[in-house]
């Protein structure tokens, strides 16, 4: 529990105890005046006074709790959530760092070779709906470690890396005049994209021009060379 939450809790407890004390004291005084002054009119005013004080004390306590619920609930809730997160992080962090160190020191080169082999030799990127879990299973490594390695070594994330390989393969097919036999939609499907739009956006992002523009530039280059 933080220092601020402790101070809020102390203030809330102090005010609550004070108001409860007022109520108890007023009831006690009211009881005394009732007991000792059953037939004495001079105590009627005191009984009324203490009854009013008790009523106001109860009313004030209820108003205070209703208009300041965060001091009762959020103070405890917020501190418990923070403590739980801190405990979870303390538990997970050492294992995470241990795995990261092992990758960097022992297995980085081997895993990089496995990644390149899966993507370049086996063309694993051609699978539609491919996820990092699929590739992790293929090269026998945890998805967490694979993600870290891709981010650090390729300076990108898994999805972007897969799209780069798909776009490069699409460029290769375009150089082989694939559009003479297939449409853009067909080419997108061949290289692993689920839709023409996704293929178009990824191709333009990585190459700077659209697939058709790239095909035209290849044709122009051939005509100039001949």
Protein backbone atom coordinates (compact mmCIF):
# COMPACT_ATOMS: atom_id res chain seq x y z
CA UNK A 1 0.00 0.00 0.00
CA UNK A 2 1.42 3.39 -1.00
CA UNK A 3 2.05 6.27 1.37
CA UNK A 4 -0.77 8.30 -0.22
CA UNK A 5 -3.26 5.47 0.20
CA UNK A 6 -2.16 5.03 3.81
CA UNK A 7 -2.72 8.71 4.55
CA UNK A 8 -6.17 8.60 2.92
CA UNK A 9 -7.04 5.52 4.94
CA UNK A 10 -5.82 7.14 8.17
CA UNK A 11 -7.94 10.24 7.48
CA UNK A 12 -10.99 8.14 6.67
CA UNK A 13 -10.59 6.04 9.83
CA UNK A 14 -10.04 9.10 12.01
CA UNK A 15 -13.14 10.90 10.72
CA UNK A 16 -15.26 7.75 10.88
CA UNK A 17 -14.16 6.94 14.43
CA UNK A 18 -14.73 10.55 15.50
CA UNK A 19 -18.29 10.59 14.14
CA UNK A 20 -19.01 7.19 15.67
CA UNK A 21 -17.63 8.47 18.96
CA UNK A 22 -19.99 11.45 18.79
CA UNK A 23 -22.94 9.12 18.20
CA UNK A 24 -21.97 6.80 21.08
CA UNK A 25 -21.29 9.69 23.46
CA UNK A 26 -24.61 11.34 22.60
CA UNK A 27 -26.51 8.11 23.12
CA UNK A 28 -24.74 7.62 26.44
CA UNK A 29 -25.65 11.13 27.62
CA UNK A 30 -29.20 10.68 26.39
CA UNK A 31 -29.46 7.46 28.39
CA UNK A 32 -28.15 9.17 31.54
CA UNK A 33 -30.58 12.05 31.28
CA UNK A 34 -33.44 9.64 30.65
CA UNK A 35 -32.48 7.47 33.62
CA UNK A 36 -31.88 10.25 36.14
CA UNK A 37 -34.53 12.64 34.96
CA UNK A 38 -37.60 10.61 34.22
CA UNK A 39 -39.86 13.04 36.06
CA UNK A 40 -37.72 16.12 35.81
CA UNK A 41 -38.68 18.59 33.11
CA UNK A 42 -35.32 20.34 33.31
CA UNK A 43 -33.69 17.37 31.52
CA UNK A 44 -36.07 17.46 28.55
CA UNK A 45 -33.93 19.99 26.70
CA UNK A 46 -30.74 18.00 27.28
CA UNK A 47 -32.35 14.80 26.03
CA UNK A 48 -33.50 16.57 22.89
CA UNK A 49 -30.05 18.10 22.41
CA UNK A 50 -28.21 14.77 22.70
CA UNK A 51 -30.76 13.07 20.46
CA UNK A 52 -30.13 15.69 17.79
CA UNK A 53 -26.36 15.30 18.16
CA UNK A 54 -26.65 11.52 17.76
CA UNK A 55 -28.87 11.89 14.72
CA UNK A 56 -26.51 14.43 13.11
CA UNK A 57 -23.53 12.17 13.84
CA UNK A 58 -25.16 9.21 12.11
CA UNK A 59 -26.25 11.42 9.21
CA UNK A 60 -22.76 12.91 8.84
CA UNK A 61 -21.13 9.48 8.89
CA UNK A 62 -23.47 8.22 6.16
CA UNK A 63 -22.93 11.32 4.03
CA UNK A 64 -19.17 11.04 4.40
CA UNK A 65 -19.10 7.39 3.35
CA UNK A 66 -21.52 7.92 0.46
CA UNK A 67 -19.68 10.90 -1.00
CA UNK A 68 -16.18 9.49 -0.46
CA UNK A 69 -16.52 5.83 -1.48
CA UNK A 70 -13.16 5.86 -3.23
CA UNK A 71 -11.42 6.23 0.12
CA UNK A 72 -13.04 3.02 1.32
CA UNK A 73 -12.98 0.90 -1.81
CA UNK A 74 -10.49 2.31 -4.32
CA UNK A 75 -7.77 2.76 -1.74
CA UNK A 76 -7.79 -0.94 -0.95
CA UNK A 77 -8.58 -2.06 -4.50
CA UNK A 78 -5.92 0.08 -6.17
CA UNK A 79 -3.21 -0.93 -3.74
CA UNK A 80 -4.10 -4.62 -4.01
CA UNK A 81 -3.97 -4.47 -7.81
CA UNK A 82 -0.59 -2.75 -7.75
CA UNK A 83 0.77 -5.24 -5.26
CA UNK A 84 -0.52 -8.17 -7.33
CA UNK A 85 1.07 -6.79 -10.51
CA UNK A 86 4.33 -6.22 -8.70
CA UNK A 87 4.31 -9.79 -7.39
CA UNK A 88 3.52 -11.22 -10.84
CA UNK A 89 6.26 -9.15 -12.46
CA UNK A 90 8.73 -10.19 -9.80
CA UNK A 91 7.88 -13.83 -10.46
CA UNK A 92 7.96 -13.64 -14.26
CA UNK A 93 10.87 -11.29 -14.80
CA UNK A 94 13.74 -13.59 -13.71
CA UNK A 95 12.51 -16.45 -15.95
CA UNK A 96 12.07 -14.08 -18.86
CA UNK A 97 15.55 -12.64 -18.46
CA UNK A 98 17.01 -16.10 -18.08
CA UNK A 99 15.46 -17.22 -21.36
CA UNK A 100 16.65 -14.06 -23.10
CA UNK A 101 20.24 -14.51 -21.93
CA UNK A 102 20.25 -18.14 -23.01
CA UNK A 103 19.08 -17.15 -26.49
CA UNK A 104 21.67 -14.43 -26.87
CA UNK A 105 24.57 -16.50 -25.55
CA UNK A 106 23.86 -20.07 -26.60
CA UNK A 107 21.27 -20.40 -29.36
CA UNK A 108 21.03 -17.17 -31.34
CA UNK A 109 23.07 -18.27 -34.37
CA UNK A 110 21.43 -21.68 -34.49
CA UNK A 111 17.92 -20.23 -34.24
CA UNK A 112 18.66 -17.61 -36.89
CA UNK A 113 19.81 -20.36 -39.23
CA UNK A 114 16.60 -22.30 -38.52
CA UNK A 115 14.50 -19.21 -39.23
CA UNK A 116 16.26 -18.51 -42.52
CA UNK A 117 16.03 -22.16 -43.54
CA UNK A 118 12.30 -22.29 -42.79
CA UNK A 119 11.61 -19.08 -44.72
CA UNK A 120 14.08 -19.32 -47.60
CA UNK A 121 14.46 -23.04 -48.24
CA UNK A 122 11.09 -24.38 -47.12
CA UNK A 123 9.21 -21.17 -48.04
CA UNK A 124 7.23 -21.42 -44.84
CA UNK A 125 5.84 -17.92 -45.47
CA UNK A 126 3.59 -19.23 -48.27
CA UNK A 127 1.15 -20.64 -45.72
CA UNK A 128 -1.96 -18.49 -45.34
CA UNK A 129 -2.94 -17.40 -41.85
CA UNK A 130 0.56 -18.11 -40.63
CA UNK A 131 1.22 -17.18 -36.99
CA UNK A 132 4.33 -16.93 -34.89
CA UNK A 133 3.18 -20.04 -33.02
CA UNK A 134 3.27 -22.03 -36.28
CA UNK A 135 6.83 -20.98 -37.08
CA UNK A 136 7.92 -21.51 -33.46
CA UNK A 137 6.66 -25.09 -33.58
CA UNK A 138 8.42 -25.66 -36.90
CA UNK A 139 11.83 -24.64 -35.56
CA UNK A 140 11.20 -25.99 -32.04
CA UNK A 141 11.43 -22.80 -29.99
CA UNK A 142 8.98 -20.88 -27.78
CA UNK A 143 6.98 -18.07 -29.49
CA UNK A 144 8.31 -15.59 -26.90
CA UNK A 145 11.95 -16.34 -27.72
CA UNK A 146 11.24 -16.33 -31.45
CA UNK A 147 9.58 -12.91 -31.18
CA UNK A 148 12.54 -11.49 -29.24
CA UNK A 149 15.01 -12.87 -31.75
CA UNK A 150 13.12 -11.51 -34.76
CA UNK A 151 12.78 -8.08 -33.16
CA UNK A 152 16.47 -7.88 -32.30
CA UNK A 153 18.06 -9.48 -35.34
CA UNK A 154 15.70 -8.46 -38.14
CA UNK A 155 14.65 -5.12 -36.59
CA UNK A 156 10.98 -5.84 -37.24
CA UNK A 157 8.10 -7.98 -35.96
CA UNK A 158 6.97 -11.42 -37.10
CA UNK A 159 4.14 -10.29 -39.40
CA UNK A 160 6.30 -7.71 -41.14
CA UNK A 161 9.10 -10.24 -41.63
CA UNK A 162 6.71 -12.74 -43.22
CA UNK A 163 5.30 -10.03 -45.49
CA UNK A 164 8.81 -9.02 -46.58
CA UNK A 165 9.52 -12.59 -47.67
CA UNK A 166 6.17 -12.77 -49.45
CA UNK A 167 6.78 -9.51 -51.29
CA UNK A 168 10.28 -10.58 -52.32
CA UNK A 169 8.88 -13.83 -53.68
CA UNK A 170 6.18 -11.88 -55.52
CA UNK A 171 8.90 -9.72 -57.10
CA UNK A 172 10.67 -12.87 -58.23
CA UNK A 173 7.47 -14.18 -59.83
CA UNK A 174 6.80 -10.83 -61.49
CA UNK A 175 10.26 -10.96 -63.01
CA UNK A 176 9.24 -14.33 -64.45
CA UNK A 177 6.18 -12.64 -66.05
CA UNK A 178 3.67 -14.40 -63.80
CA UNK A 179 0.97 -11.85 -64.71
CA UNK A 180 0.82 -13.37 -68.16
CA UNK A 181 -0.91 -16.34 -66.55
CA UNK A 182 -2.35 -15.02 -63.26
CA UNK A 183 -4.16 -11.94 -62.02
CA UNK A 184 -2.98 -9.77 -59.11
CA UNK A 185 -5.43 -11.67 -56.89
CA UNK A 186 -3.94 -14.94 -58.05
CA UNK A 187 -0.41 -13.70 -57.40
CA UNK A 188 -1.40 -12.51 -53.92
CA UNK A 189 -2.79 -15.95 -53.10
CA UNK A 190 0.29 -17.70 -54.50
CA UNK A 191 2.65 -15.84 -52.17
CA UNK A 192 0.53 -16.35 -49.04
CA UNK A 193 -1.64 -13.23 -48.73
CA UNK A 194 -5.30 -13.64 -47.84
CA UNK A 195 -6.50 -10.68 -49.89
CA UNK A 196 -5.55 -8.46 -52.80
CA UNK A 197 -5.69 -5.32 -50.65
CA UNK A 198 -3.29 -6.71 -48.03
CA UNK A 199 -0.91 -7.79 -50.77
CA UNK A 200 -1.12 -4.40 -52.51
CA UNK A 201 -0.49 -2.43 -49.31
CA UNK A 202 2.40 -4.61 -48.21
CA UNK A 203 4.01 -4.59 -51.67
CA UNK A 204 3.79 -0.81 -51.94
CA UNK A 205 5.12 -0.38 -48.41
CA UNK A 206 8.21 -2.49 -49.11
CA UNK A 207 8.85 -1.67 -52.78
CA UNK A 208 7.44 1.84 -53.07
CA UNK A 209 5.18 1.10 -56.05
CA UNK A 210 2.25 -1.22 -56.77
CA UNK A 211 2.70 -4.74 -58.21
CA UNK A 212 1.42 -3.65 -61.63
CA UNK A 213 3.73 -0.65 -61.66
CA UNK A 214 6.61 -2.92 -60.76
CA UNK A 215 5.68 -5.30 -63.60
CA UNK A 216 5.53 -2.37 -66.03
CA UNK A 217 8.94 -1.15 -64.88
CA UNK A 218 10.37 -4.61 -65.59
CA UNK A 219 8.83 -4.59 -69.06
CA UNK A 220 10.20 -1.11 -69.76
CA UNK A 221 13.66 -2.15 -68.59
CA UNK A 222 13.58 -5.16 -70.96
CA UNK A 223 12.49 -3.01 -73.89
CA UNK A 224 15.28 -0.53 -73.25
CA UNK A 225 17.82 -3.33 -72.95
CA UNK A 226 16.80 -4.90 -76.27
